[in-house]
Amino acid sequence: MNVTYDFKGQVALVTGAASGMGLSTARAFAKAGAAVTLADVTEAALRQAVDEITAAGGKVIGVVCDVADEAQVATMVARTVTTFGRLDAAFNNAGIQIPASEIADQSIEDYDRVSAINQRGVWACMKHELAQMRKQGSGAIVNCSSIGGLTGRAMIAAYHGTKHGVIGLTRSAALEYATRGVRVNAVCPGTIDTPMVSSMLEKGMLAMDDLLRDLPMKRLGRGEEIADAVLWLCSSGSSFVTGQALAVDGGFAVY
């Protein structure tokens, strides 16, 4: 069954939009009629994504943005509003993984890097998105956490800590803006077939046999399945849903 959404006349912003779940979600928003800002730190890949969606009939712009830099985040949101006039939906998806390590052996540099992008970056994006949505009196934000925000796992504590933090930010923001027409939720992807997961498999950070053993559905998720969840959380179909952390994980978190 293919779910369809109507975002005509609306404006969406997606970070980490040049590949993986971000690109799938940007495609889905554009296909549903939204004007979309694609933001990513990798300029060449971003340009390719913008060209692809434009060729398919989408109305999009690309903004190079490192979400760890608040000034760049502010510019990203400002360009979106200047270009399209408003901001109705945002998927704060940009994130990284760092090498697996026991906490006792992990460097402060790795910890600071993953925290700056995965957690502080989400905070910065929400700060500037919410300022615009507060002014409008409407909007929906989806933050990308992870099943790592719902569970624990040895050797990647710093990453999991950031993803738990995203859920905390999401819940608090949802309470702040619940009476002002703005909803804030999180999506918690399981293991999704993305370039990041492929890289982790190649480096031995993950093992496919172990992944499939622990997945009740016995397959990896697809970027399009995360996009469907994000668009639902940004649509009128979820108008009474806020402050939630939605697991899209093939049943992993309840296994």
Protein backbone atom coordinates (compact mmCIF):
# COMPACT_ATOMS: atom_id res chain seq x y z
CA MET A 1 0.00 0.00 0.00
CA ASN A 2 1.38 3.40 -0.99
CA VAL A 3 0.49 6.25 1.39
CA THR A 4 0.06 9.65 -0.23
CA TYR A 5 0.19 13.09 1.41
CA ASP A 6 -0.71 16.54 0.18
CA PHE A 7 1.80 19.25 1.15
CA LYS A 8 0.94 21.65 -1.66
CA GLY A 9 1.51 25.24 -0.61
CA GLN A 10 3.72 24.17 2.29
CA VAL A 11 7.45 24.51 2.87
CA ALA A 12 9.69 21.79 4.30
CA LEU A 13 13.30 21.77 5.46
CA VAL A 14 15.45 18.63 5.65
CA THR A 15 18.97 18.46 7.07
CA GLY A 16 21.37 15.70 6.13
CA ALA A 17 19.43 15.73 2.87
CA ALA A 18 22.11 14.67 0.39
CA SER A 19 21.83 10.94 1.07
CA GLY A 20 20.12 8.21 3.06
CA MET A 21 16.99 8.94 5.09
CA GLY A 22 17.29 12.68 4.52
CA LEU A 23 17.30 12.35 0.75
CA SER A 24 14.39 9.88 0.85
CA THR A 25 12.41 12.35 2.96
CA ALA A 26 13.26 15.34 0.77
CA ARG A 27 12.08 13.37 -2.27
CA ALA A 28 8.86 12.45 -0.49
CA PHE A 29 8.10 16.03 0.56
CA ALA A 30 8.74 17.29 -2.98
CA LYS A 31 6.59 14.54 -4.50
CA ALA A 32 3.80 15.51 -2.09
CA GLY A 33 3.91 19.07 -3.42
CA ALA A 34 5.99 20.89 -0.82
CA ALA A 35 8.71 23.38 -1.62
CA VAL A 36 11.80 21.93 0.04
CA THR A 37 15.11 23.20 1.34
CA LEU A 38 17.76 20.49 1.23
CA ALA A 39 20.62 21.14 3.64
CA ASP A 40 23.82 19.16 3.94
CA VAL A 41 27.49 19.67 4.75
CA THR A 42 28.66 17.87 1.58
CA GLU A 43 28.31 20.34 -1.28
CA ALA A 44 28.82 18.01 -4.27
CA ALA A 45 26.33 15.41 -3.03
CA LEU A 46 23.87 18.18 -2.13
CA ARG A 47 24.06 19.64 -5.61
CA GLN A 48 23.38 16.20 -7.10
CA ALA A 49 20.35 15.69 -4.84
CA VAL A 50 18.93 19.12 -5.73
CA ASP A 51 19.41 18.45 -9.46
CA GLU A 52 17.70 15.06 -9.16
CA ILE A 53 14.61 16.37 -7.37
CA THR A 54 14.40 19.43 -9.63
CA ALA A 55 14.51 17.20 -12.71
CA ALA A 56 11.61 15.21 -11.28
CA GLY A 57 9.53 18.38 -11.04
CA GLY A 58 10.25 19.36 -7.44
CA LYS A 59 10.59 22.91 -6.18
CA VAL A 60 13.77 22.87 -4.12
CA ILE A 61 16.84 24.80 -3.07
CA GLY A 62 20.09 23.51 -1.60
CA VAL A 63 21.91 25.10 1.33
CA VAL A 64 25.34 23.98 2.47
CA CYS A 65 25.11 23.79 6.25
CA ASP A 66 27.11 22.31 9.10
CA VAL A 67 24.51 21.99 11.86
CA ALA A 68 27.26 22.17 14.49
CA ASP A 69 27.65 25.84 13.54
CA GLU A 70 24.66 27.84 14.79
CA ALA A 71 25.39 30.74 12.45
CA GLN A 72 25.10 28.42 9.47
CA VAL A 73 21.86 26.99 10.87
CA ALA A 74 20.41 30.49 11.24
CA THR A 75 21.34 31.24 7.63
CA MET A 76 19.76 27.97 6.47
CA VAL A 77 16.40 28.81 8.07
CA ALA A 78 16.56 32.44 6.93
CA ARG A 79 17.23 31.41 3.33
CA THR A 80 14.29 29.02 3.46
CA VAL A 81 11.92 31.75 4.65
CA THR A 82 13.33 34.37 2.28
CA THR A 83 12.96 32.02 -0.69
CA PHE A 84 9.63 30.36 0.07
CA GLY A 85 7.97 32.76 2.52
CA ARG A 86 7.41 30.42 5.47
CA LEU A 87 8.37 27.13 7.12
CA ASP A 88 5.76 24.45 7.78
CA ALA A 89 7.73 21.26 8.36
CA ALA A 90 11.27 20.35 9.34
CA PHE A 91 13.13 17.05 9.57
CA ASN A 92 16.27 17.54 11.65
CA ASN A 93 18.06 14.48 10.36
CA ALA A 94 21.77 15.36 10.12
CA GLY A 95 23.88 13.06 12.24
CA ILE A 96 27.09 11.07 12.40
CA GLN A 97 28.49 7.93 13.99
CA ILE A 98 31.96 7.66 15.54
CA PRO A 99 34.26 4.63 15.90
CA ALA A 100 33.10 2.04 18.41
CA SER A 101 35.02 2.27 21.65
CA GLU A 102 34.78 1.53 25.33
CA ILE A 103 34.04 4.70 27.26
CA ALA A 104 37.38 4.40 29.08
CA ASP A 105 39.20 4.51 25.73
CA GLN A 106 37.17 7.14 23.91
CA SER A 107 38.69 10.49 23.05
CA ILE A 108 37.11 13.76 24.12
CA GLU A 109 37.46 14.92 20.52
CA ASP A 110 35.19 12.11 19.27
CA TYR A 111 32.70 12.74 22.07
CA ASP A 112 32.56 16.47 21.37
CA ARG A 113 32.20 15.91 17.62
CA VAL A 114 29.26 13.50 17.84
CA SER A 115 27.57 15.66 20.48
CA ALA A 116 28.01 18.86 18.46
CA ILE A 117 26.28 17.41 15.41
CA ASN A 118 23.79 14.90 16.77
CA GLN A 119 22.51 16.78 19.80
CA ARG A 120 23.57 20.43 19.77
CA GLY A 121 22.86 20.51 16.02
CA VAL A 122 19.27 19.42 16.63
CA TRP A 123 18.95 22.05 19.36
CA ALA A 124 20.25 24.77 17.02
CA CYS A 125 17.92 23.71 14.21
CA MET A 126 14.92 23.66 16.53
CA LYS A 127 15.85 27.06 17.97
CA HIS A 128 15.69 28.81 14.61
CA GLU A 129 12.84 26.74 13.17
CA LEU A 130 10.70 27.34 16.25
CA ALA A 131 11.31 31.08 16.12
CA GLN A 132 9.76 31.13 12.64
CA MET A 133 6.94 28.69 13.46
CA ARG A 134 6.10 30.62 16.64
CA LYS A 135 5.71 33.73 14.53
CA GLN A 136 3.42 31.88 12.09
CA GLY A 137 1.46 30.10 14.80
CA SER A 138 1.87 26.75 13.05
CA GLY A 139 4.38 24.08 12.08
CA ALA A 140 5.63 20.58 12.71
CA ILE A 141 9.15 19.42 13.54
CA VAL A 142 10.48 15.88 13.48
CA ASN A 143 13.87 15.23 15.07
CA CYS A 144 15.87 12.17 14.10
CA SER A 145 16.73 10.14 17.16
CA SER A 146 17.36 6.40 16.83
CA ILE A 147 16.56 3.12 18.47
CA GLY A 148 19.79 4.15 20.20
CA GLY A 149 17.67 6.79 21.92
CA LEU A 150 15.41 4.09 23.35
CA THR A 151 17.94 1.40 24.21
CA GLY A 152 21.56 0.99 25.22
CA ARG A 153 24.43 -0.75 23.47
CA ALA A 154 28.01 -1.38 24.47
CA MET A 155 30.84 0.38 22.64
CA ILE A 156 28.78 3.29 21.25
CA ALA A 157 27.70 5.04 24.44
CA ALA A 158 28.50 8.54 23.18
CA TYR A 159 26.30 8.08 20.11
CA HIS A 160 23.46 6.62 22.17
CA GLY A 161 23.79 9.47 24.65
CA THR A 162 23.21 12.02 21.90
CA LYS A 163 20.16 10.14 20.65
CA HIS A 164 18.66 9.93 24.15
CA GLY A 165 19.29 13.68 24.35
CA VAL A 166 17.36 14.30 21.15
CA ILE A 167 14.29 12.69 22.70
CA GLY A 168 14.64 14.89 25.77
CA LEU A 169 14.87 18.01 23.60
CA THR A 170 11.86 16.85 21.61
CA ARG A 171 9.65 16.28 24.63
CA SER A 172 10.54 19.58 26.26
CA ALA A 173 10.00 21.57 23.06
CA ALA A 174 6.68 19.83 22.49
CA LEU A 175 5.46 21.06 25.88
CA GLU A 176 6.67 24.60 25.26
CA TYR A 177 4.82 24.95 21.95
CA ALA A 178 1.77 22.68 22.39
CA THR A 179 -0.63 25.62 22.76
CA ARG A 180 0.94 27.64 19.95
CA GLY A 181 0.11 25.49 16.94
CA VAL A 182 3.52 23.81 16.71
CA ARG A 183 4.06 20.08 17.17
CA VAL A 184 7.45 18.47 17.86
CA ASN A 185 8.07 14.73 17.60
CA ALA A 186 10.99 12.38 17.06
CA VAL A 187 11.44 9.40 14.81
CA CYS A 188 13.64 6.54 16.03
CA PRO A 189 14.92 4.58 13.05
CA GLY A 190 16.20 1.06 13.46
CA THR A 191 18.90 -0.25 11.16
CA ILE A 192 18.14 1.32 7.80
CA ASP A 193 19.84 0.54 4.49
CA THR A 194 21.77 3.81 4.17
CA PRO A 195 25.32 4.80 3.22
CA MET A 196 26.14 5.20 6.94
CA VAL A 197 25.07 1.64 7.73
CA SER A 198 26.92 0.32 4.68
CA SER A 199 30.08 2.06 5.88
CA MET A 200 29.68 0.61 9.37
CA LEU A 201 29.27 -2.88 7.90
CA GLU A 202 32.38 -2.43 5.76
CA LYS A 203 34.42 -1.25 8.76
CA GLY A 204 33.25 -4.13 10.95
CA MET A 205 31.32 -1.85 13.31
CA LEU A 206 28.21 -3.88 12.46
CA ALA A 207 27.74 -7.47 11.28
CA MET A 208 24.83 -8.34 9.02
CA ASP A 209 24.24 -11.73 10.65
CA ASP A 210 24.00 -10.08 14.07
CA LEU A 211 21.66 -7.40 12.74
CA LEU A 212 19.27 -9.85 11.16
CA ARG A 213 19.34 -12.12 14.21
CA ASP A 214 18.08 -9.25 16.39
CA LEU A 215 15.50 -7.93 13.91
CA PRO A 216 12.06 -9.56 14.22
CA MET A 217 11.26 -8.65 10.59
CA LYS A 218 14.60 -10.15 9.44
CA ARG A 219 15.45 -7.30 7.07
CA LEU A 220 16.88 -3.81 7.09
CA GLY A 221 14.56 -0.85 6.86
CA ARG A 222 14.36 1.41 3.83
CA GLY A 223 14.82 5.15 3.71
CA GLU A 224 11.34 5.47 2.21
CA GLU A 225 9.87 3.89 5.34
CA ILE A 226 11.42 6.59 7.50
CA ALA A 227 10.17 9.23 5.05
CA ASP A 228 6.62 7.88 5.37
CA ALA A 229 6.83 8.22 9.17
CA VAL A 230 8.21 11.76 8.96
CA LEU A 231 5.55 12.92 6.50
CA TRP A 232 2.81 11.43 8.70
CA LEU A 233 4.19 13.23 11.75
CA CYS A 234 4.20 16.49 9.77
CA SER A 235 0.72 15.97 8.29
CA SER A 236 -2.78 16.74 9.53
CA GLY A 237 -3.18 13.00 10.06
CA SER A 238 -1.14 13.34 13.26
CA SER A 239 -2.66 16.62 14.44
CA PHE A 240 -3.09 15.35 18.05
CA VAL A 241 0.40 13.82 18.25
CA THR A 242 3.24 15.72 19.91
CA GLY A 243 6.19 14.90 22.15
CA GLN A 244 6.40 11.32 20.89
CA ALA A 245 9.40 9.17 19.95
CA LEU A 246 8.17 6.87 17.18
CA ALA A 247 10.22 3.71 16.68
CA VAL A 248 10.44 2.63 13.03
CA ASP A 249 12.64 -0.37 13.60
CA GLY A 250 11.07 -3.62 12.43
CA GLY A 251 10.25 -4.51 16.04
CA PHE A 252 13.78 -4.30 17.43
CA ALA A 253 12.98 -2.15 20.46
CA VAL A 254 10.35 -4.62 21.70
CA TYR A 255 12.29 -7.80 20.89
